[in-house]
């Protein structure tokens, strides 16, 4: 008799867990990375999130944090269910926070992606990368959030690692800040050089034209894939279906008036309608991260020659794996 009771209890618990796993989602938090001030981000994102709430029937609350890590950790601990990331922060969310890319932003002007930039004051004698890399300890350098693709990973890979330069030894000071803060620091001559990107500079030109006129671009990176949208893998399928339908119909389906309004909202984010994506869009970002790590290993005087060679061999194999995977992706 006890075995029967135990069996029924176990079945009840199993049924309860199954029901919980498929429980309807009625509310979710949407994470927004801190590329600029929270007030500016709210202005850009609230119309889109309101439309998402209206179309899906799910209450959508914006989730802001003081840095990119706050959104990554928010997703990791279930406080963020869907988020806009850059590619580097999306990679962290995929690897650490049970995240999965399902959509990719599309530039409103038709660009296939965006570019990392180095900025200097418009009247500065600094006019090239060679001027920046003289490394005499005289320059104050503004770099991005450590989880930023264009503000940190790309310049670290294509400027510093490529040229064998340690920023801490090259510059007088190095400080981390978001894109908007770095641009304003350049305009106000608080730093000599700083990282940014083409998308944020378009917003600076629109929102702060006087500051924009005080800035010049002295370096432009290779193309960076457009930003991904990530959800937690454990979202129930019904909720994923609602979100997916919203993202790929928004700005495409509806009356002419509805489509026009949606595209105006997207334009406020500097985007056109989204396109589907997957974690595969991170392959070039992973290769950049490995390149950066190879530089760090090569520069590590504490590693023995054998340990260094073994680590570099491991990194080379990992890089080759992602390069091979990239070759298999159909080119559109």
Foldseek 3Di string as FASTA:
>chain_A
DVVVVVVVVVVVVVVVVVCVLQPDAQEFEEEEFPQDDPVLVCVLCVVVQVLLCVQLVHHYHYDYDQHLVVVLVCLQVVNHFKYWDALLSQVSNVVRRQKKFWWFFAFPVGDQFKKKFKKAFPPDPDAALVSQQPLPAAFEEEAEGCSHVRRHLQCLQVRCLVVLHDVVSRYVYYYYDRQVVQLQCRLVVVGGMGMHMPQVLVVCCVPPVVSSNRMDTRDITPGAGGITMMGRPSDNPSSVVSSSVCQQCQLPDDPPVRNVVSQVSQVSVSTHRMDTDINLSSLVVVLSVLSSVLSVLVPDPVDDPVRSVVVNVVSVVVNVVSVVVVVPDDDD
